[in-house]
Protein backbone atom coordinates (compact mmCIF):
# COMPACT_ATOMS: atom_id res chain seq x y z
CA UNK A 1 103.35 -19.57 34.54
CA UNK A 2 106.35 -18.13 32.73
CA UNK A 3 104.04 -16.00 30.58
CA UNK A 4 102.35 -14.65 33.71
CA UNK A 5 105.72 -13.73 35.21
CA UNK A 6 106.72 -11.83 32.04
CA UNK A 7 103.40 -9.98 32.07
CA UNK A 8 103.87 -8.95 35.68
CA UNK A 9 107.46 -7.85 34.99
CA UNK A 10 106.35 -5.75 32.01
CA UNK A 11 103.57 -4.13 34.03
CA UNK A 12 106.01 -3.41 36.82
CA UNK A 13 108.42 -1.73 34.37
CA UNK A 14 105.60 0.46 33.09
CA UNK A 15 104.80 1.58 36.63
CA UNK A 16 108.44 2.40 37.34
CA UNK A 17 108.72 4.27 34.03
CA UNK A 18 105.60 6.25 34.85
CA UNK A 19 106.97 7.12 38.27
CA UNK A 20 110.26 8.35 36.79
CA UNK A 21 108.41 10.30 34.12
CA UNK A 22 106.29 11.97 36.79
CA UNK A 23 109.47 13.25 38.46
CA UNK A 24 110.95 14.55 35.18
CA UNK A 25 109.85 18.11 34.31
CA UNK A 26 108.15 18.56 30.98
CA UNK A 27 110.18 20.85 28.72
CA UNK A 28 108.01 23.49 27.11
CA UNK A 29 109.89 25.07 24.17
CA UNK A 30 108.61 28.45 25.30
CA UNK A 31 109.95 28.02 28.83
CA UNK A 32 113.56 28.64 27.75
CA UNK A 33 112.67 32.04 26.31
CA UNK A 34 112.55 34.87 28.81
CA UNK A 35 109.65 37.16 28.19
CA UNK A 36 110.94 40.67 27.49
CA UNK A 37 110.17 43.26 30.09
CA UNK A 38 108.09 46.22 29.04
CA UNK A 39 110.32 48.94 27.62
CA UNK A 40 109.77 52.60 28.37
CA UNK A 41 110.74 55.98 26.99
CA UNK A 42 112.52 59.03 28.35
CA UNK A 43 111.33 62.33 26.96
CA UNK A 44 111.63 66.01 27.77
CA UNK A 45 112.99 69.37 26.72
CA UNK A 46 116.42 70.97 26.94
CA UNK A 47 116.11 74.74 27.40
CA UNK A 48 119.33 76.43 26.30
CA UNK A 49 119.44 80.00 27.58
CA UNK A 50 121.36 82.80 25.83
CA UNK A 51 124.00 83.03 28.57
CA UNK A 52 126.30 80.36 27.16
CA UNK A 53 128.95 81.39 24.68
CA UNK A 54 129.68 79.44 21.53
CA UNK A 55 133.09 77.77 21.17
CA UNK A 56 135.77 79.77 19.43
CA UNK A 57 136.27 79.17 15.74
CA UNK A 58 139.47 77.47 14.64
CA UNK A 59 142.50 79.75 14.07
CA UNK A 60 142.63 81.21 10.59
CA UNK A 61 146.17 82.60 10.09
CA UNK A 62 145.76 82.78 6.34
CA UNK A 63 142.43 84.55 6.51
CA UNK A 64 141.05 82.25 3.83
CA UNK A 65 137.47 82.15 5.01
CA UNK A 66 134.88 84.85 4.94
CA UNK A 67 133.39 85.70 8.32
CA UNK A 68 129.98 84.12 8.44
CA UNK A 69 127.18 84.20 10.95
CA UNK A 70 125.85 81.05 12.53
CA UNK A 71 122.22 80.13 12.84
CA UNK A 72 121.27 80.72 16.51
CA UNK A 73 119.36 77.44 16.47
CA UNK A 74 122.63 75.55 16.01
CA UNK A 75 123.82 76.37 19.51
CA UNK A 76 120.54 75.15 20.94
CA UNK A 77 120.98 71.68 19.49
CA UNK A 78 121.76 69.29 22.31
CA UNK A 79 122.41 65.55 22.52
CA UNK A 80 120.71 63.64 25.32
CA UNK A 81 122.03 60.16 26.09
CA UNK A 82 122.35 57.40 28.68
CA UNK A 83 125.76 57.43 30.35
CA UNK A 84 125.65 53.65 30.76
CA UNK A 85 123.34 51.68 28.50
CA UNK A 86 121.82 48.20 28.81
CA UNK A 87 123.79 45.28 27.37
CA UNK A 88 121.30 44.83 24.54
CA UNK A 89 122.16 48.32 23.35
CA UNK A 90 125.58 47.16 22.17
CA UNK A 91 124.33 44.75 19.54
CA UNK A 92 126.11 45.33 16.25
CA UNK A 93 124.14 46.09 13.11
CA UNK A 94 125.50 46.38 9.60
CA UNK A 95 125.40 49.11 6.95
CA UNK A 96 125.20 52.11 9.28
CA UNK A 97 125.52 55.34 7.34
CA UNK A 98 124.88 59.05 7.95
CA UNK A 99 125.39 62.32 6.06
CA UNK A 100 126.94 65.66 6.94
CA UNK A 101 126.21 68.04 4.08
CA UNK A 102 128.23 71.11 3.07
CA UNK A 103 125.72 73.67 1.88
CA UNK A 104 125.73 77.48 1.84
CA UNK A 105 129.18 77.28 3.46
CA UNK A 106 127.75 75.47 6.47
CA UNK A 107 127.80 71.91 7.73
CA UNK A 108 124.29 70.52 7.93
CA UNK A 109 123.43 69.32 10.47
CA UNK A 110 125.68 71.24 12.82
CA UNK A 111 125.40 68.45 15.42
CA UNK A 112 125.37 64.81 14.31
CA UNK A 113 125.06 61.84 16.70
CA UNK A 114 125.94 58.34 15.49
CA UNK A 115 126.79 54.83 16.71
CA UNK A 116 130.42 53.71 16.55
CA UNK A 117 131.14 51.95 13.27
CA UNK A 118 129.00 54.31 11.21
CA UNK A 119 130.21 55.68 7.89
CA UNK A 120 129.57 59.40 7.45
CA UNK A 121 129.31 60.83 3.95
CA UNK A 122 130.41 64.44 3.40
CA UNK A 123 128.72 65.54 0.14
CA UNK A 124 129.65 68.94 -1.28
CA UNK A 125 126.36 70.64 -2.19
CA UNK A 126 127.96 74.06 -2.75
CA UNK A 127 129.31 75.67 -5.90
CA UNK A 128 132.78 75.98 -4.44
CA UNK A 129 135.48 73.64 -3.20
CA UNK A 130 135.56 72.36 0.38
CA UNK A 131 138.13 70.50 2.44
CA UNK A 132 136.71 68.60 5.39
CA UNK A 133 139.11 67.70 8.20
CA UNK A 134 139.39 67.06 11.93
CA UNK A 135 142.27 67.06 14.40
CA UNK A 136 140.23 65.39 17.14
CA UNK A 137 141.77 62.53 19.13
CA UNK A 138 138.66 60.43 18.58
CA UNK A 139 139.10 60.57 14.81
CA UNK A 140 141.71 62.55 12.89
CA UNK A 141 141.26 62.84 9.14
CA UNK A 142 141.68 65.14 6.16
CA UNK A 143 139.61 64.54 3.02
CA UNK A 144 141.44 67.06 0.85
CA UNK A 145 139.75 69.53 -1.47
CA UNK A 146 136.92 68.34 -3.67
CA UNK A 147 134.47 70.11 -5.94
CA UNK A 148 130.69 70.49 -5.96
CA UNK A 149 128.74 67.33 -6.65
CA UNK A 150 131.41 65.10 -5.09
CA UNK A 151 131.35 63.28 -1.77
CA UNK A 152 133.84 61.52 0.48
CA UNK A 153 133.26 59.30 3.49
CA UNK A 154 134.87 58.51 6.85
CA UNK A 155 134.17 55.61 9.22
CA UNK A 156 134.03 56.48 12.93
CA UNK A 157 135.04 53.46 15.01
CA UNK A 158 135.66 54.95 18.47
CA UNK A 159 133.20 56.68 20.83
CA UNK A 160 133.94 60.32 21.52
CA UNK A 161 133.47 63.86 20.22
CA UNK A 162 134.82 64.90 16.83
CA UNK A 163 135.04 68.55 15.77
CA UNK A 164 134.86 69.00 12.01
CA UNK A 165 136.12 72.00 10.02
CA UNK A 166 136.68 73.17 6.46
CA UNK A 167 140.23 74.13 5.55
CA UNK A 168 138.96 76.70 3.04
CA UNK A 169 136.15 78.35 5.03
CA UNK A 170 137.20 79.00 8.62
CA UNK A 171 133.67 79.81 9.81
CA UNK A 172 132.47 76.29 8.99
CA UNK A 173 132.37 73.84 11.90
CA UNK A 174 130.33 70.91 13.15
CA UNK A 175 130.29 68.31 15.90
CA UNK A 176 130.00 64.54 15.51
CA UNK A 177 129.22 62.63 18.72
CA UNK A 178 130.04 58.93 18.45
CA UNK A 179 128.39 56.53 20.90
CA UNK A 180 128.95 52.88 21.79
CA UNK A 181 125.19 52.35 22.09
CA UNK A 182 121.94 53.52 20.51
CA UNK A 183 120.30 55.32 23.43
CA UNK A 184 120.81 58.94 22.39
CA UNK A 185 118.83 61.67 20.64
CA UNK A 186 119.47 65.11 19.16
CA UNK A 187 116.97 67.74 20.27
CA UNK A 188 114.66 69.30 17.71
CA UNK A 189 114.13 73.02 17.03
CA UNK A 190 112.05 73.33 20.21
CA UNK A 191 114.67 71.55 22.31
CA UNK A 192 112.58 68.39 22.67
CA UNK A 193 113.94 64.85 22.63
CA UNK A 194 112.77 61.27 23.14
CA UNK A 195 114.64 58.03 23.87
CA UNK A 196 112.51 55.00 23.02
CA UNK A 197 112.85 51.33 23.89
CA UNK A 198 114.64 51.81 27.23
CA UNK A 199 114.43 48.66 29.41
CA UNK A 200 113.28 49.00 33.05
CA UNK A 201 116.00 50.18 35.41
CA UNK A 202 117.79 53.28 36.68
CA UNK A 203 120.06 55.25 34.38
CA UNK A 204 122.13 58.42 34.42
CA UNK A 205 120.81 60.76 31.73
CA UNK A 206 123.38 63.22 30.35
CA UNK A 207 123.04 66.31 28.15
CA UNK A 208 125.78 67.56 25.83
CA UNK A 209 125.63 71.06 24.39
CA UNK A 210 128.45 73.06 22.83
CA UNK A 211 127.76 76.08 25.07
CA UNK A 212 128.32 74.18 28.35
CA UNK A 213 131.47 75.35 30.11
CA UNK A 214 131.08 73.80 33.56
CA UNK A 215 129.72 70.49 34.75
CA UNK A 216 127.75 68.48 32.22
CA UNK A 217 124.03 68.45 33.11
CA UNK A 218 122.90 65.01 34.26
CA UNK A 219 120.30 63.29 36.40
CA UNK A 220 119.17 59.80 37.40
CA UNK A 221 115.97 58.53 35.82
CA UNK A 222 114.13 55.27 36.46
CA UNK A 223 112.04 53.28 34.01
CA UNK A 224 109.49 51.22 36.02
CA UNK A 225 108.98 47.49 35.45
CA UNK A 226 105.68 48.24 33.75
CA UNK A 227 107.39 50.56 31.25
CA UNK A 228 105.81 53.86 30.26
CA UNK A 229 107.13 57.37 29.65
CA UNK A 230 109.39 59.25 32.05
CA UNK A 231 109.79 63.04 31.79
CA UNK A 232 113.16 64.74 32.29
CA UNK A 233 113.70 68.42 31.47
CA UNK A 234 116.97 70.34 31.57
CA UNK A 235 117.98 73.99 31.59
CA UNK A 236 121.38 75.11 30.33
CA UNK A 237 122.29 78.65 31.32
């Protein structure tokens, strides 16, 4: 009789356990991982008309530099970027590095866009001395004079615009645009750009160009939930 009672009690406990288990959700390891939404791309063309004037060169009281012409394509280089980027865009990656060459008494490229924290190398590819410096609030530095075949580097920690000059050649200048995120692109020779991997949502797209004197061109663009490409063209007069 006692054995029968124990059997019934054990069976009853199994039933209760099964009932509790049926009310407990089964944890699928994949259920805690949110499936990424389809990313899209923003692409287009920035048409820079001849009406805009280039910024003035730095003062040259000593007349050290020879007057030099600038490649017209330099003024047409624009940087297209998201004014506010998704949170994922601020992930930190290591060993970021870029180069701004000094060649034929010019900085190449004339416009460089980087993420904050990037080291920029300034190799001297000319046969003469150069002295790279900037008085910009975003990053002030002076590398001193160094000969051909040598290179010096600067780390840019803060977002902003940095104007770069050569203390020896007054006609040399360049722009470094430092961003807190990775959603930016420099236009090519035809003025075309493309921002890849943009998550769905609405964003303000902004264009920087050295010839702009008034309001910065901008517009709102929306990446649909399904992803895909979105076209956005600009004209700078």
